Amino acid sequence: MKKILYILSIIFISQFTGCIVFNNVSYEITINEDGTGTAMLLIEDINTDASTKEAIDEDVKSILEHGLKSQQFVDDMKSEGKIIVSRNVLVENEKLNSVVSYQFSEISRVEGMQFDDPFYYLTIPVEDSIISTNGQVTKTAEYQRIVWDKSIKTLKFKMYSDDTNREGLTSLAKFYQKED
């Protein structure tokens, strides 16, 4: 999960004065025969723990201007081997969610996943919470690993990030106004 949080912080690069907090993140990775592919990630229930109007405004700007609209975001992702295909935010049940899709040339560009024929795998810290996956989960005292056979062409996993129902958080949903 630390890698996921690192990637997400890059996705929403800014000078936060608050911290972006979200409930969970889901990945759906489609692998082509040549090892390239497309990753779609869904970040659910995006909030900030900022306590001042100015800090909240900075987090709103980071998500709704930089992450959603800026060319800099696209360029930053390209430098990491992620070619942005689409990016969107939406409000569902009064919660702000973000959907980002990108193409990659090698699986290691997706959260550091690896391919060791005949398996794809993702290794994460033991303290991280896997909500669901279409792979097999193995746990040791040092780490957890999700493993997929290479015959599976769409790899899926969902990870818990943080409790977004706790006090002190402000949902960013109320700041999003869909453009027609």
C-alpha atoms as a PDB file:
ATOM      1  CA  MET A   1       0.000   0.000   0.000  1.00  0.00           C
ATOM      2  CA  LYS A   2       2.943   2.334   0.572  1.00  0.00           C
ATOM      3  CA  LYS A   3       3.771   2.104  -3.142  1.00  0.00           C
ATOM      4  CA  ILE A   4       0.139   2.781  -4.009  1.00  0.00           C
ATOM      5  CA  LEU A   5       0.069   5.824  -1.746  1.00  0.00           C
ATOM      6  CA  TYR A   6       3.338   7.020  -3.279  1.00  0.00           C
ATOM      7  CA  ILE A   7       1.964   6.670  -6.811  1.00  0.00           C
ATOM      8  CA  LEU A   8      -1.272   8.390  -5.867  1.00  0.00           C
ATOM      9  CA  SER A   9       0.627  11.255  -4.310  1.00  0.00           C
ATOM     10  CA  ILE A  10       2.499  11.606  -7.601  1.00  0.00           C
ATOM     11  CA  ILE A  11      -0.771  11.429  -9.511  1.00  0.00           C
ATOM     12  CA  PHE A  12      -2.053  14.345  -7.491  1.00  0.00           C
ATOM     13  CA  ILE A  13       1.242  16.216  -7.223  1.00  0.00           C
ATOM     14  CA  SER A  14       1.057  19.488  -5.406  1.00  0.00           C
ATOM     15  CA  GLN A  15       2.268  21.316  -2.389  1.00  0.00           C
ATOM     16  CA  PHE A  16      -0.343  20.044   0.045  1.00  0.00           C
ATOM     17  CA  THR A  17      -0.933  21.934   3.203  1.00  0.00           C
ATOM     18  CA  GLY A  18      -3.435  19.246   4.113  1.00  0.00           C
ATOM     19  CA  CYS A  19      -3.308  15.592   3.235  1.00  0.00           C
ATOM     20  CA  ILE A  20      -5.497  13.850   0.676  1.00  0.00           C
ATOM     21  CA  VAL A  21      -7.237  10.875   2.265  1.00  0.00           C
ATOM     22  CA  PHE A  22      -9.250   8.268   0.379  1.00  0.00           C
ATOM     23  CA  ASN A  23     -11.107   5.123   1.357  1.00  0.00           C
ATOM     24  CA  ASN A  24      -9.815   2.599  -1.161  1.00  0.00           C
ATOM     25  CA  VAL A  25      -8.255   2.152  -4.569  1.00  0.00           C
ATOM     26  CA  SER A  26      -9.054  -0.456  -7.218  1.00  0.00           C
ATOM     27  CA  TYR A  27      -6.910  -1.500 -10.153  1.00  0.00           C
ATOM     28  CA  GLU A  28      -7.968  -3.296 -13.312  1.00  0.00           C
ATOM     29  CA  ILE A  29      -4.959  -4.078 -15.480  1.00  0.00           C
ATOM     30  CA  THR A  30      -5.410  -5.467 -18.987  1.00  0.00           C
ATOM     31  CA  ILE A  31      -2.318  -7.204 -20.364  1.00  0.00           C
ATOM     32  CA  ASN A  32      -1.621  -7.531 -24.094  1.00  0.00           C
ATOM     33  CA  GLU A  33       0.258 -10.487 -25.602  1.00  0.00           C
ATOM     34  CA  ASP A  34       3.451  -8.420 -25.868  1.00  0.00           C
ATOM     35  CA  GLY A  35       3.397  -7.443 -22.159  1.00  0.00           C
ATOM     36  CA  THR A  36       2.132  -3.911 -22.728  1.00  0.00           C
ATOM     37  CA  GLY A  37      -1.267  -2.952 -21.429  1.00  0.00           C
ATOM     38  CA  THR A  38      -3.687  -0.540 -19.875  1.00  0.00           C
ATOM     39  CA  ALA A  39      -4.312   0.145 -16.193  1.00  0.00           C
ATOM     40  CA  MET A  40      -7.489   1.682 -14.853  1.00  0.00           C
ATOM     41  CA  LEU A  41      -7.532   2.830 -11.285  1.00  0.00           C
ATOM     42  CA  LEU A  42     -10.505   3.989  -9.275  1.00  0.00           C
ATOM     43  CA  ILE A  43      -9.870   6.041  -6.144  1.00  0.00           C
ATOM     44  CA  GLU A  44     -12.949   6.162  -3.941  1.00  0.00           C
ATOM     45  CA  ASP A  45     -14.168   8.769  -1.456  1.00  0.00           C
ATOM     46  CA  ILE A  46     -11.497  11.459  -1.726  1.00  0.00           C
ATOM     47  CA  ASN A  47     -11.227  13.783   1.284  1.00  0.00           C
ATOM     48  CA  THR A  48      -8.787  16.204   2.825  1.00  0.00           C
ATOM     49  CA  ASP A  49      -7.707  16.458   6.436  1.00  0.00           C
ATOM     50  CA  ALA A  50      -6.859  20.145   5.978  1.00  0.00           C
ATOM     51  CA  SER A  51      -8.341  22.349   8.661  1.00  0.00           C
ATOM     52  CA  THR A  52      -8.215  25.814   7.116  1.00  0.00           C
ATOM     53  CA  LYS A  53     -10.069  27.192   4.103  1.00  0.00           C
ATOM     54  CA  GLU A  54      -6.773  28.000   2.386  1.00  0.00           C
ATOM     55  CA  ALA A  55      -5.437  24.468   2.881  1.00  0.00           C
ATOM     56  CA  ILE A  56      -8.696  22.916   1.686  1.00  0.00           C
ATOM     57  CA  ASP A  57      -8.601  25.190  -1.383  1.00  0.00           C
ATOM     58  CA  GLU A  58      -5.060  23.977  -2.156  1.00  0.00           C
ATOM     59  CA  ASP A  59      -6.169  20.328  -1.993  1.00  0.00           C
ATOM     60  CA  VAL A  60      -9.209  21.061  -4.167  1.00  0.00           C
ATOM     61  CA  LYS A  61      -6.937  22.810  -6.676  1.00  0.00           C
ATOM     62  CA  SER A  62      -4.532  19.878  -6.634  1.00  0.00           C
ATOM     63  CA  ILE A  63      -7.214  17.313  -7.444  1.00  0.00           C
ATOM     64  CA  LEU A  64      -9.650  19.267  -9.594  1.00  0.00           C
ATOM     65  CA  GLU A  65      -7.215  21.435 -11.527  1.00  0.00           C
ATOM     66  CA  HIS A  66      -3.831  19.729 -11.575  1.00  0.00           C
ATOM     67  CA  GLY A  67      -4.918  16.087 -11.545  1.00  0.00           C
ATOM     68  CA  LEU A  68      -7.986  16.517 -13.715  1.00  0.00           C
ATOM     69  CA  LYS A  69      -6.987  19.190 -16.222  1.00  0.00           C
ATOM     70  CA  SER A  70      -3.284  20.031 -16.361  1.00  0.00           C
ATOM     71  CA  GLN A  71      -0.817  19.018 -19.048  1.00  0.00           C
ATOM     72  CA  GLN A  72       1.843  18.891 -16.310  1.00  0.00           C
ATOM     73  CA  PHE A  73       0.080  15.884 -14.773  1.00  0.00           C
ATOM     74  CA  VAL A  74       0.108  14.105 -18.161  1.00  0.00           C
ATOM     75  CA  ASP A  75       3.804  14.956 -18.618  1.00  0.00           C
ATOM     76  CA  ASP A  76       4.681  13.774 -15.087  1.00  0.00           C
ATOM     77  CA  MET A  77       2.968  10.448 -15.694  1.00  0.00           C
ATOM     78  CA  LYS A  78       4.617  10.042 -19.096  1.00  0.00           C
ATOM     79  CA  SER A  79       8.038  10.451 -17.446  1.00  0.00           C
ATOM     80  CA  GLU A  80       7.110   7.443 -15.290  1.00  0.00           C
ATOM     81  CA  GLY A  81       6.147   5.337 -18.298  1.00  0.00           C
ATOM     82  CA  LYS A  82       2.404   5.931 -17.916  1.00  0.00           C
ATOM     83  CA  ILE A  83       0.641   7.356 -20.952  1.00  0.00           C
ATOM     84  CA  ILE A  84      -2.606   8.897 -19.711  1.00  0.00           C
ATOM     85  CA  VAL A  85      -5.590   7.710 -21.738  1.00  0.00           C
ATOM     86  CA  SER A  86      -8.310   9.318 -19.632  1.00  0.00           C
ATOM     87  CA  ARG A  87      -8.876  10.954 -16.278  1.00  0.00           C
ATOM     88  CA  ASN A  88     -12.114  11.905 -14.666  1.00  0.00           C
ATOM     89  CA  VAL A  89     -13.716  12.671 -11.353  1.00  0.00           C
ATOM     90  CA  LEU A  90     -17.287  11.934 -10.447  1.00  0.00           C
ATOM     91  CA  VAL A  91     -19.542  12.307  -7.461  1.00  0.00           C
ATOM     92  CA  GLU A  92     -21.466   9.237  -6.326  1.00  0.00           C
ATOM     93  CA  ASN A  93     -23.463   9.170  -3.103  1.00  0.00           C
ATOM     94  CA  GLU A  94     -21.944  12.521  -2.117  1.00  0.00           C
ATOM     95  CA  LYS A  95     -18.407  11.111  -2.412  1.00  0.00           C
ATOM     96  CA  LEU A  96     -15.728  12.259  -4.849  1.00  0.00           C
ATOM     97  CA  ASN A  97     -14.130   9.462  -6.840  1.00  0.00           C
ATOM     98  CA  SER A  98     -11.406   9.622  -9.458  1.00  0.00           C
ATOM     99  CA  VAL A  99     -10.847   7.324 -12.413  1.00  0.00           C
ATOM    100  CA  VAL A 100      -7.512   7.361 -14.238  1.00  0.00           C
ATOM    101  CA  SER A 101      -6.581   5.108 -17.151  1.00  0.00           C
ATOM    102  CA  TYR A 102      -3.107   4.839 -18.594  1.00  0.00           C
ATOM    103  CA  GLN A 103      -1.134   2.691 -21.000  1.00  0.00           C
ATOM    104  CA  PHE A 104       2.168   1.123 -20.033  1.00  0.00           C
ATOM    105  CA  SER A 105       4.971  -0.600 -21.906  1.00  0.00           C
ATOM    106  CA  GLU A 106       5.913  -2.956 -19.089  1.00  0.00           C
ATOM    107  CA  ILE A 107       4.035  -4.299 -16.074  1.00  0.00           C
ATOM    108  CA  SER A 108       6.563  -2.878 -13.589  1.00  0.00           C
ATOM    109  CA  ARG A 109       5.086   0.570 -14.357  1.00  0.00           C
ATOM    110  CA  VAL A 110       1.935  -0.504 -12.498  1.00  0.00           C
ATOM    111  CA  GLU A 111       2.731  -0.263  -8.779  1.00  0.00           C
ATOM    112  CA  GLY A 112       6.003  -2.135  -9.310  1.00  0.00           C
ATOM    113  CA  MET A 113       4.228  -5.333 -10.343  1.00  0.00           C
ATOM    114  CA  GLN A 114       6.482  -8.034 -11.750  1.00  0.00           C
ATOM    115  CA  PHE A 115       6.299 -10.858 -14.276  1.00  0.00           C
ATOM    116  CA  ASP A 116       8.214 -14.064 -13.637  1.00  0.00           C
ATOM    117  CA  ASP A 117       6.985 -16.538 -16.252  1.00  0.00           C
ATOM    118  CA  PRO A 118       4.350 -17.922 -15.808  1.00  0.00           C
ATOM    119  CA  PHE A 119       3.149 -15.476 -13.098  1.00  0.00           C
ATOM    120  CA  TYR A 120       2.390 -11.806 -12.581  1.00  0.00           C
ATOM    121  CA  TYR A 121       2.709 -10.663  -8.983  1.00  0.00           C
ATOM    122  CA  LEU A 122       2.445  -7.666  -6.678  1.00  0.00           C
ATOM    123  CA  THR A 123       4.287  -7.644  -3.351  1.00  0.00           C
ATOM    124  CA  ILE A 124       2.969  -5.347  -0.615  1.00  0.00           C
ATOM    125  CA  PRO A 125       3.631  -4.809   3.092  1.00  0.00           C
ATOM    126  CA  VAL A 126       1.975  -7.250   5.462  1.00  0.00           C
ATOM    127  CA  GLU A 127       0.092  -4.445   7.246  1.00  0.00           C
ATOM    128  CA  ASP A 128      -1.749  -3.366   4.061  1.00  0.00           C
ATOM    129  CA  SER A 129      -5.338  -4.521   3.557  1.00  0.00           C
ATOM    130  CA  ILE A 130      -6.342  -6.317   0.386  1.00  0.00           C
ATOM    131  CA  ILE A 131     -10.109  -6.039  -0.009  1.00  0.00           C
ATOM    132  CA  SER A 132     -10.450  -8.205  -3.111  1.00  0.00           C
ATOM    133  CA  THR A 133      -8.538  -9.649  -6.054  1.00  0.00           C
ATOM    134  CA  ASN A 134      -8.958 -12.151  -8.860  1.00  0.00           C
ATOM    135  CA  GLY A 135      -5.472 -13.463  -8.023  1.00  0.00           C
ATOM    136  CA  GLN A 136      -4.214 -15.652  -5.212  1.00  0.00           C
ATOM    137  CA  VAL A 137      -2.952 -14.026  -2.005  1.00  0.00           C
ATOM    138  CA  THR A 138      -0.040 -15.467  -0.065  1.00  0.00           C
ATOM    139  CA  LYS A 139       1.184 -14.017   3.227  1.00  0.00           C
ATOM    140  CA  THR A 140       4.436 -14.302   5.095  1.00  0.00           C
ATOM    141  CA  ALA A 141       5.663 -12.516   8.200  1.00  0.00           C
ATOM    142  CA  GLU A 142       7.440  -9.980   5.960  1.00  0.00           C
ATOM    143  CA  TYR A 143       5.012  -9.333   3.090  1.00  0.00           C
ATOM    144  CA  GLN A 144       1.853 -10.207   1.189  1.00  0.00           C
ATOM    145  CA  ARG A 145       1.842 -11.145  -2.466  1.00  0.00           C
ATOM    146  CA  ILE A 146      -0.947 -11.289  -5.005  1.00  0.00           C
ATOM    147  CA  VAL A 147      -0.146 -13.780  -7.776  1.00  0.00           C
ATOM    148  CA  TRP A 148      -1.899 -14.171 -11.123  1.00  0.00           C
ATOM    149  CA  ASP A 149      -1.263 -16.893 -13.702  1.00  0.00           C
ATOM    150  CA  LYS A 150      -0.263 -15.382 -17.064  1.00  0.00           C
ATOM    151  CA  SER A 151      -3.393 -16.905 -18.615  1.00  0.00           C
ATOM    152  CA  ILE A 152      -5.397 -14.226 -16.738  1.00  0.00           C
ATOM    153  CA  LYS A 153      -5.449 -11.203 -19.038  1.00  0.00           C
ATOM    154  CA  THR A 154      -7.239  -8.779 -16.696  1.00  0.00           C
ATOM    155  CA  LEU A 155      -5.603  -8.512 -13.269  1.00  0.00           C
ATOM    156  CA  LYS A 156      -7.744  -6.970 -10.544  1.00  0.00           C
ATOM    157  CA  PHE A 157      -7.168  -5.912  -6.969  1.00  0.00           C
ATOM    158  CA  LYS A 158      -8.702  -3.514  -4.479  1.00  0.00           C
ATOM    159  CA  MET A 159      -6.878  -2.091  -1.462  1.00  0.00           C
ATOM    160  CA  TYR A 160      -8.127  -0.323   1.647  1.00  0.00           C
ATOM    161  CA  SER A 161      -6.430   2.997   2.362  1.00  0.00           C
ATOM    162  CA  ASP A 162      -8.072   4.882   5.229  1.00  0.00           C
ATOM    163  CA  ASP A 163     -11.266   5.393   7.223  1.00  0.00           C
ATOM    164  CA  THR A 164     -13.000   8.305   5.514  1.00  0.00           C
ATOM    165  CA  ASN A 165     -15.894   8.386   7.983  1.00  0.00           C
ATOM    166  CA  ARG A 166     -13.746   9.739  10.806  1.00  0.00           C
ATOM    167  CA  GLU A 167     -13.929  13.237  12.215  1.00  0.00           C
ATOM    168  CA  GLY A 168     -11.659  15.950  10.874  1.00  0.00           C
ATOM    169  CA  LEU A 169     -12.058  15.112   7.192  1.00  0.00           C
ATOM    170  CA  THR A 170     -13.734  17.221   4.527  1.00  0.00           C
ATOM    171  CA  SER A 171     -15.161  15.487   1.470  1.00  0.00           C
ATOM    172  CA  LEU A 172     -13.977  17.076  -1.761  1.00  0.00           C
ATOM    173  CA  ALA A 173     -17.251  16.115  -3.469  1.00  0.00           C
ATOM    174  CA  LYS A 174     -18.920  19.388  -2.589  1.00  0.00           C
ATOM    175  CA  PHE A 175     -16.196  21.325  -4.418  1.00  0.00           C
ATOM    176  CA  TYR A 176     -16.620  19.532  -7.734  1.00  0.00           C
ATOM    177  CA  GLN A 177     -18.909  21.198 -10.235  1.00  0.00           C
ATOM    178  CA  LYS A 178     -19.316  19.185 -13.408  1.00  0.00           C
ATOM    179  CA  GLU A 179     -18.647  21.211 -16.538  1.00  0.00           C
ATOM    180  CA  ASP A 180     -21.216  20.838 -19.287  1.00  0.00           C
END
